[in-house]
């Protein structure tokens, strides 16, 4: 079985949600844990993480910092 290797590139608010998940698969669980079920939403294909955070009433920079910390990218 092939092992998934996550990128070590930090996440930023301007990244498209889909790209964040593709580059950092573990980010999906983290985003869902903080109330962002948008990972399966059609908007995830074209919406930036910052825009998705705004829609969910979250601070994009705080979410990015949390993701980078949890994924050990910062």
PDB file of N, CA and C in Angstrom:
ATOM      1  N   UNK A   1       0.841  -1.169   0.000  1.00  0.00           N
ATOM      2  CA  UNK A   1       0.000   0.000   0.000  1.00  0.00           C
ATOM      3  C   UNK A   1       0.889   1.235   0.000  1.00  0.00           C
ATOM      4  N   UNK A   2       0.501   2.235  -0.798  1.00  0.00           N
ATOM      5  CA  UNK A   2       1.289   3.458  -0.917  1.00  0.00           C
ATOM      6  C   UNK A   2       0.982   4.401   0.233  1.00  0.00           C
ATOM      7  N   UNK A   3       2.013   4.954   0.833  1.00  0.00           N
ATOM      8  CA  UNK A   3       1.853   5.875   1.944  1.00  0.00           C
ATOM      9  C   UNK A   3       1.720   7.302   1.419  1.00  0.00           C
ATOM     10  N   UNK A   4       0.780   8.078   1.991  1.00  0.00           N
ATOM     11  CA  UNK A   4       0.602   9.475   1.609  1.00  0.00           C
ATOM     12  C   UNK A   4       1.640  10.318   2.325  1.00  0.00           C
ATOM     13  N   UNK A   5       2.345  11.139   1.575  1.00  0.00           N
ATOM     14  CA  UNK A   5       3.340  12.031   2.142  1.00  0.00           C
ATOM     15  C   UNK A   5       2.821  13.457   2.020  1.00  0.00           C
ATOM     16  N   UNK A   6       2.719  14.116   3.165  1.00  0.00           N
ATOM     17  CA  UNK A   6       2.226  15.478   3.162  1.00  0.00           C
ATOM     18  C   UNK A   6       3.356  16.445   2.841  1.00  0.00           C
ATOM     19  N   UNK A   7       2.996  17.522   2.191  1.00  0.00           N
ATOM     20  CA  UNK A   7       3.941  18.579   1.871  1.00  0.00           C
ATOM     21  C   UNK A   7       4.354  19.284   3.162  1.00  0.00           C
ATOM     22  N   UNK A   8       5.511  19.881   3.156  1.00  0.00           N
ATOM     23  CA  UNK A   8       5.962  20.676   4.307  1.00  0.00           C
ATOM     24  C   UNK A   8       5.804  22.175   4.035  1.00  0.00           C
ATOM     25  N   UNK A   9       5.147  22.519   2.914  1.00  0.00           N
ATOM     26  CA  UNK A   9       4.896  23.931   2.612  1.00  0.00           C
ATOM     27  C   UNK A   9       3.815  24.460   3.535  1.00  0.00           C
ATOM     28  N   UNK A  10       4.040  25.623   4.161  1.00  0.00           N
ATOM     29  CA  UNK A  10       3.018  26.173   5.051  1.00  0.00           C
ATOM     30  C   UNK A  10       1.747  26.546   4.284  1.00  0.00           C
ATOM     31  N   UNK A  11       0.653  26.510   4.996  1.00  0.00           N
ATOM     32  CA  UNK A  11      -0.661  26.877   4.444  1.00  0.00           C
ATOM     33  C   UNK A  11      -0.835  28.378   4.601  1.00  0.00           C
ATOM     34  N   UNK A  12      -1.501  29.000   3.618  1.00  0.00           N
ATOM     35  CA  UNK A  12      -1.799  30.429   3.680  1.00  0.00           C
ATOM     36  C   UNK A  12      -3.271  30.658   3.358  1.00  0.00           C
ATOM     37  N   UNK A  13      -3.785  31.824   3.714  1.00  0.00           N
ATOM     38  CA  UNK A  13      -5.204  32.127   3.518  1.00  0.00           C
ATOM     39  C   UNK A  13      -5.590  32.224   2.050  1.00  0.00           C
ATOM     40  N   UNK A  14      -4.638  32.464   1.171  1.00  0.00           N
ATOM     41  CA  UNK A  14      -4.973  32.614  -0.246  1.00  0.00           C
ATOM     42  C   UNK A  14      -5.001  31.283  -0.997  1.00  0.00           C
ATOM     43  N   UNK A  15      -4.685  30.187  -0.320  1.00  0.00           N
ATOM     44  CA  UNK A  15      -4.724  28.862  -0.958  1.00  0.00           C
ATOM     45  C   UNK A  15      -6.170  28.406  -1.121  1.00  0.00           C
ATOM     46  N   UNK A  16      -6.463  27.756  -2.246  1.00  0.00           N
ATOM     47  CA  UNK A  16      -7.784  27.194  -2.484  1.00  0.00           C
ATOM     48  C   UNK A  16      -7.980  26.008  -1.536  1.00  0.00           C
ATOM     49  N   UNK A  17      -9.171  25.911  -0.945  1.00  0.00           N
ATOM     50  CA  UNK A  17      -9.445  24.863   0.046  1.00  0.00           C
ATOM     51  C   UNK A  17      -9.083  23.483  -0.512  1.00  0.00           C
ATOM     52  N   UNK A  18      -9.487  23.199  -1.730  1.00  0.00           N
ATOM     53  CA  UNK A  18      -9.189  21.904  -2.362  1.00  0.00           C
ATOM     54  C   UNK A  18      -7.682  21.653  -2.397  1.00  0.00           C
ATOM     55  N   UNK A  19      -6.913  22.682  -2.742  1.00  0.00           N
ATOM     56  CA  UNK A  19      -5.463  22.536  -2.825  1.00  0.00           C
ATOM     57  C   UNK A  19      -4.842  22.279  -1.449  1.00  0.00           C
ATOM     58  N   UNK A  20      -5.396  22.915  -0.423  1.00  0.00           N
ATOM     59  CA  UNK A  20      -4.919  22.680   0.950  1.00  0.00           C
ATOM     60  C   UNK A  20      -5.089  21.205   1.296  1.00  0.00           C
ATOM     61  N   UNK A  21      -6.271  20.655   0.984  1.00  0.00           N
ATOM     62  CA  UNK A  21      -6.557  19.254   1.308  1.00  0.00           C
ATOM     63  C   UNK A  21      -5.678  18.307   0.485  1.00  0.00           C
ATOM     64  N   UNK A  22      -5.480  18.627  -0.786  1.00  0.00           N
ATOM     65  CA  UNK A  22      -4.645  17.772  -1.625  1.00  0.00           C
ATOM     66  C   UNK A  22      -3.189  17.772  -1.163  1.00  0.00           C
ATOM     67  N   UNK A  23      -2.705  18.944  -0.762  1.00  0.00           N
ATOM     68  CA  UNK A  23      -1.307  19.065  -0.343  1.00  0.00           C
ATOM     69  C   UNK A  23      -1.090  18.586   1.098  1.00  0.00           C
ATOM     70  N   UNK A  24      -2.129  18.726   1.915  1.00  0.00           N
ATOM     71  CA  UNK A  24      -2.049  18.369   3.341  1.00  0.00           C
ATOM     72  C   UNK A  24      -3.303  17.584   3.721  1.00  0.00           C
ATOM     73  N   UNK A  25      -3.380  16.309   3.401  1.00  0.00           N
ATOM     74  CA  UNK A  25      -4.597  15.530   3.651  1.00  0.00           C
ATOM     75  C   UNK A  25      -5.107  15.580   5.095  1.00  0.00           C
ATOM     76  N   UNK A  26      -4.218  15.669   6.068  1.00  0.00           N
ATOM     77  CA  UNK A  26      -4.649  15.721   7.462  1.00  0.00           C
ATOM     78  C   UNK A  26      -5.369  17.027   7.805  1.00  0.00           C
ATOM     79  N   UNK A  27      -5.257  18.032   6.959  1.00  0.00           N
ATOM     80  CA  UNK A  27      -5.932  19.306   7.197  1.00  0.00           C
ATOM     81  C   UNK A  27      -7.451  19.136   7.159  1.00  0.00           C
ATOM     82  N   UNK A  28      -7.949  18.160   6.413  1.00  0.00           N
ATOM     83  CA  UNK A  28      -9.393  17.935   6.316  1.00  0.00           C
ATOM     84  C   UNK A  28      -9.995  17.676   7.690  1.00  0.00           C
ATOM     85  N   UNK A  29      -9.396  16.788   8.456  1.00  0.00           N
ATOM     86  CA  UNK A  29      -9.909  16.463   9.785  1.00  0.00           C
ATOM     87  C   UNK A  29      -9.822  17.672  10.712  1.00  0.00           C
ATOM     88  N   UNK A  30      -8.752  18.426  10.597  1.00  0.00           N
ATOM     89  CA  UNK A  30      -8.572  19.609  11.446  1.00  0.00           C
ATOM     90  C   UNK A  30      -9.630  20.654  11.111  1.00  0.00           C
ATOM     91  N   UNK A  31      -9.870  20.894   9.832  1.00  0.00           N
ATOM     92  CA  UNK A  31     -10.884  21.869   9.431  1.00  0.00           C
ATOM     93  C   UNK A  31     -12.276  21.447   9.895  1.00  0.00           C
ATOM     94  N   UNK A  32     -12.595  20.174   9.777  1.00  0.00           N
ATOM     95  CA  UNK A  32     -13.903  19.699  10.240  1.00  0.00           C
ATOM     96  C   UNK A  32     -14.030  19.840  11.754  1.00  0.00           C
ATOM     97  N   UNK A  33     -12.940  19.627  12.464  1.00  0.00           N
ATOM     98  CA  UNK A  33     -12.940  19.730  13.929  1.00  0.00           C
ATOM     99  C   UNK A  33     -13.281  21.148  14.389  1.00  0.00           C
ATOM    100  N   UNK A  34     -12.912  22.154  13.594  1.00  0.00           N
ATOM    101  CA  UNK A  34     -13.192  23.541  13.992  1.00  0.00           C
ATOM    102  C   UNK A  34     -14.472  24.077  13.344  1.00  0.00           C
ATOM    103  N   UNK A  35     -15.247  23.181  12.741  1.00  0.00           N
ATOM    104  CA  UNK A  35     -16.548  23.574  12.226  1.00  0.00           C
ATOM    105  C   UNK A  35     -16.611  23.916  10.758  1.00  0.00           C
ATOM    106  N   UNK A  36     -15.569  23.594  10.017  1.00  0.00           N
ATOM    107  CA  UNK A  36     -15.556  23.900   8.589  1.00  0.00           C
ATOM    108  C   UNK A  36     -15.776  22.608   7.796  1.00  0.00           C
ATOM    109  N   UNK A  37     -17.030  22.296   7.547  1.00  0.00           N
ATOM    110  CA  UNK A  37     -17.357  21.118   6.763  1.00  0.00           C
ATOM    111  C   UNK A  37     -17.256  21.383   5.276  1.00  0.00           C
ATOM    112  N   UNK A  38     -16.676  22.504   4.927  1.00  0.00           N
ATOM    113  CA  UNK A  38     -16.618  22.960   3.536  1.00  0.00           C
ATOM    114  C   UNK A  38     -15.708  22.112   2.654  1.00  0.00           C
ATOM    115  N   UNK A  39     -15.004  21.188   3.230  1.00  0.00           N
ATOM    116  CA  UNK A  39     -14.062  20.412   2.421  1.00  0.00           C
ATOM    117  C   UNK A  39     -14.750  19.598   1.347  1.00  0.00           C
ATOM    118  N   UNK A  40     -16.026  19.284   1.543  1.00  0.00           N
ATOM    119  CA  UNK A  40     -16.755  18.528   0.526  1.00  0.00           C
ATOM    120  C   UNK A  40     -17.721  19.408  -0.256  1.00  0.00           C
ATOM    121  N   UNK A  41     -17.735  20.683   0.027  1.00  0.00           N
ATOM    122  CA  UNK A  41     -18.619  21.631  -0.638  1.00  0.00           C
ATOM    123  C   UNK A  41     -18.073  21.973  -2.029  1.00  0.00           C
ATOM    124  N   UNK A  42     -18.935  22.146  -3.015  1.00  0.00           N
ATOM    125  CA  UNK A  42     -18.456  22.522  -4.349  1.00  0.00           C
ATOM    126  C   UNK A  42     -17.643  23.818  -4.355  1.00  0.00           C
ATOM    127  N   UNK A  43     -17.914  24.696  -3.412  1.00  0.00           N
ATOM    128  CA  UNK A  43     -17.153  25.953  -3.332  1.00  0.00           C
ATOM    129  C   UNK A  43     -15.686  25.716  -3.022  1.00  0.00           C
ATOM    130  N   UNK A  44     -15.374  24.579  -2.412  1.00  0.00           N
ATOM    131  CA  UNK A  44     -13.988  24.268  -2.050  1.00  0.00           C
ATOM    132  C   UNK A  44     -13.084  24.177  -3.271  1.00  0.00           C
ATOM    133  N   UNK A  45     -13.681  23.997  -4.438  1.00  0.00           N
ATOM    134  CA  UNK A  45     -12.891  23.908  -5.666  1.00  0.00           C
ATOM    135  C   UNK A  45     -12.354  25.253  -6.120  1.00  0.00           C
ATOM    136  N   UNK A  46     -12.994  26.349  -5.662  1.00  0.00           N
ATOM    137  CA  UNK A  46     -12.567  27.662  -6.154  1.00  0.00           C
ATOM    138  C   UNK A  46     -12.452  28.722  -5.070  1.00  0.00           C
ATOM    139  N   UNK A  47     -12.811  28.382  -3.844  1.00  0.00           N
ATOM    140  CA  UNK A  47     -12.796  29.346  -2.755  1.00  0.00           C
ATOM    141  C   UNK A  47     -11.493  29.243  -1.964  1.00  0.00           C
ATOM    142  N   UNK A  48     -10.929  30.394  -1.635  1.00  0.00           N
ATOM    143  CA  UNK A  48      -9.702  30.374  -0.838  1.00  0.00           C
ATOM    144  C   UNK A  48     -10.036  30.016   0.606  1.00  0.00           C
ATOM    145  N   UNK A  49      -9.035  29.578   1.322  1.00  0.00           N
ATOM    146  CA  UNK A  49      -9.223  29.249   2.728  1.00  0.00           C
ATOM    147  C   UNK A  49      -9.681  30.483   3.501  1.00  0.00           C
ATOM    148  N   UNK A  50      -9.123  31.631   3.165  1.00  0.00           N
ATOM    149  CA  UNK A  50      -9.525  32.876   3.820  1.00  0.00           C
ATOM    150  C   UNK A  50     -10.991  33.202   3.582  1.00  0.00           C
ATOM    151  N   UNK A  51     -11.459  32.997   2.354  1.00  0.00           N
ATOM    152  CA  UNK A  51     -12.869  33.242   2.030  1.00  0.00           C
ATOM    153  C   UNK A  51     -13.771  32.256   2.760  1.00  0.00           C
ATOM    154  N   UNK A  52     -13.368  30.990   2.802  1.00  0.00           N
ATOM    155  CA  UNK A  52     -14.153  29.973   3.500  1.00  0.00           C
ATOM    156  C   UNK A  52     -14.244  30.297   4.994  1.00  0.00           C
ATOM    157  N   UNK A  53     -13.156  30.767   5.570  1.00  0.00           N
ATOM    158  CA  UNK A  53     -13.168  31.144   6.981  1.00  0.00           C
ATOM    159  C   UNK A  53     -14.147  32.286   7.217  1.00  0.00           C
ATOM    160  N   UNK A  54     -14.127  33.267   6.331  1.00  0.00           N
ATOM    161  CA  UNK A  54     -15.015  34.413   6.464  1.00  0.00           C
ATOM    162  C   UNK A  54     -16.479  33.954   6.441  1.00  0.00           C
ATOM    163  N   UNK A  55     -16.816  33.049   5.524  1.00  0.00           N
ATOM    164  CA  UNK A  55     -18.176  32.526   5.420  1.00  0.00           C
ATOM    165  C   UNK A  55     -18.595  31.829   6.714  1.00  0.00           C
ATOM    166  N   UNK A  56     -17.645  31.172   7.361  1.00  0.00           N
ATOM    167  CA  UNK A  56     -17.925  30.433   8.597  1.00  0.00           C
ATOM    168  C   UNK A  56     -17.729  31.293   9.847  1.00  0.00           C
ATOM    169  N   UNK A  57     -17.458  32.581   9.665  1.00  0.00           N
ATOM    170  CA  UNK A  57     -17.297  33.479  10.804  1.00  0.00           C
ATOM    171  C   UNK A  57     -16.020  33.257  11.593  1.00  0.00           C
ATOM    172  N   UNK A  58     -14.997  32.752  10.916  1.00  0.00           N
ATOM    173  CA  UNK A  58     -13.712  32.493  11.570  1.00  0.00           C
ATOM    174  C   UNK A  58     -12.650  33.441  11.046  1.00  0.00           C
ATOM    175  N   UNK A  59     -11.657  33.702  11.850  1.00  0.00           N
ATOM    176  CA  UNK A  59     -10.529  34.530  11.441  1.00  0.00           C
ATOM    177  C   UNK A  59      -9.562  33.674  10.627  1.00  0.00           C
ATOM    178  N   UNK A  60      -9.367  34.032   9.374  1.00  0.00           N
ATOM    179  CA  UNK A  60      -8.523  33.253   8.471  1.00  0.00           C
ATOM    180  C   UNK A  60      -7.101  33.079   8.967  1.00  0.00           C
ATOM    181  N   UNK A  61      -6.523  34.131   9.508  1.00  0.00           N
ATOM    182  CA  UNK A  61      -5.142  34.054   9.996  1.00  0.00           C
ATOM    183  C   UNK A  61      -5.037  33.107  11.188  1.00  0.00           C
ATOM    184  N   UNK A  62      -6.039  33.130  12.066  1.00  0.00           N
ATOM    185  CA  UNK A  62      -6.028  32.216  13.212  1.00  0.00           C
ATOM    186  C   UNK A  62      -6.141  30.767  12.751  1.00  0.00           C
ATOM    187  N   UNK A  63      -7.002  30.535  11.765  1.00  0.00           N
ATOM    188  CA  UNK A  63      -7.174  29.172  11.248  1.00  0.00           C
ATOM    189  C   UNK A  63      -5.884  28.690  10.593  1.00  0.00           C
ATOM    190  N   UNK A  64      -5.256  29.548   9.789  1.00  0.00           N
ATOM    191  CA  UNK A  64      -4.003  29.189   9.118  1.00  0.00           C
ATOM    192  C   UNK A  64      -2.918  28.906  10.154  1.00  0.00           C
ATOM    193  N   UNK A  65      -2.819  29.750  11.158  1.00  0.00           N
ATOM    194  CA  UNK A  65      -1.818  29.523  12.209  1.00  0.00           C
ATOM    195  C   UNK A  65      -2.071  28.198  12.923  1.00  0.00           C
ATOM    196  N   UNK A  66      -3.338  27.910  13.210  1.00  0.00           N
ATOM    197  CA  UNK A  66      -3.695  26.656  13.872  1.00  0.00           C
ATOM    198  C   UNK A  66      -3.355  25.461  12.981  1.00  0.00           C
ATOM    199  N   UNK A  67      -3.735  25.520  11.719  1.00  0.00           N
ATOM    200  CA  UNK A  67      -3.418  24.433  10.782  1.00  0.00           C
ATOM    201  C   UNK A  67      -1.914  24.201  10.703  1.00  0.00           C
ATOM    202  N   UNK A  68      -1.158  25.278  10.512  1.00  0.00           N
ATOM    203  CA  UNK A  68       0.294  25.143  10.390  1.00  0.00           C
ATOM    204  C   UNK A  68       0.913  24.576  11.657  1.00  0.00           C
ATOM    205  N   UNK A  69       0.367  24.961  12.802  1.00  0.00           N
ATOM    206  CA  UNK A  69       0.870  24.434  14.077  1.00  0.00           C
ATOM    207  C   UNK A  69       0.518  22.952  14.208  1.00  0.00           C
ATOM    208  N   UNK A  70      -0.725  22.594  13.953  1.00  0.00           N
ATOM    209  CA  UNK A  70      -1.171  21.202  14.087  1.00  0.00           C
ATOM    210  C   UNK A  70      -0.456  20.282  13.108  1.00  0.00           C
ATOM    211  N   UNK A  71      -0.174  20.790  11.924  1.00  0.00           N
ATOM    212  CA  UNK A  71       0.497  19.982  10.890  1.00  0.00           C
ATOM    213  C   UNK A  71       2.021  20.109  10.961  1.00  0.00           C
ATOM    214  N   UNK A  72       2.497  20.854  11.961  1.00  0.00           N
ATOM    215  CA  UNK A  72       3.935  21.071  12.182  1.00  0.00           C
ATOM    216  C   UNK A  72       4.615  21.666  10.954  1.00  0.00           C
ATOM    217  N   UNK A  73       3.970  22.714  10.412  1.00  0.00           N
ATOM    218  CA  UNK A  73       4.507  23.406   9.238  1.00  0.00           C
ATOM    219  C   UNK A  73       5.091  24.761   9.609  1.00  0.00           C
ATOM    220  N   UNK A  74       4.836  25.202  10.834  1.00  0.00           N
ATOM    221  CA  UNK A  74       5.313  26.528  11.244  1.00  0.00           C
ATOM    222  C   UNK A  74       6.451  26.409  12.224  1.00  0.00           C
TER     223      UNK A  74
END
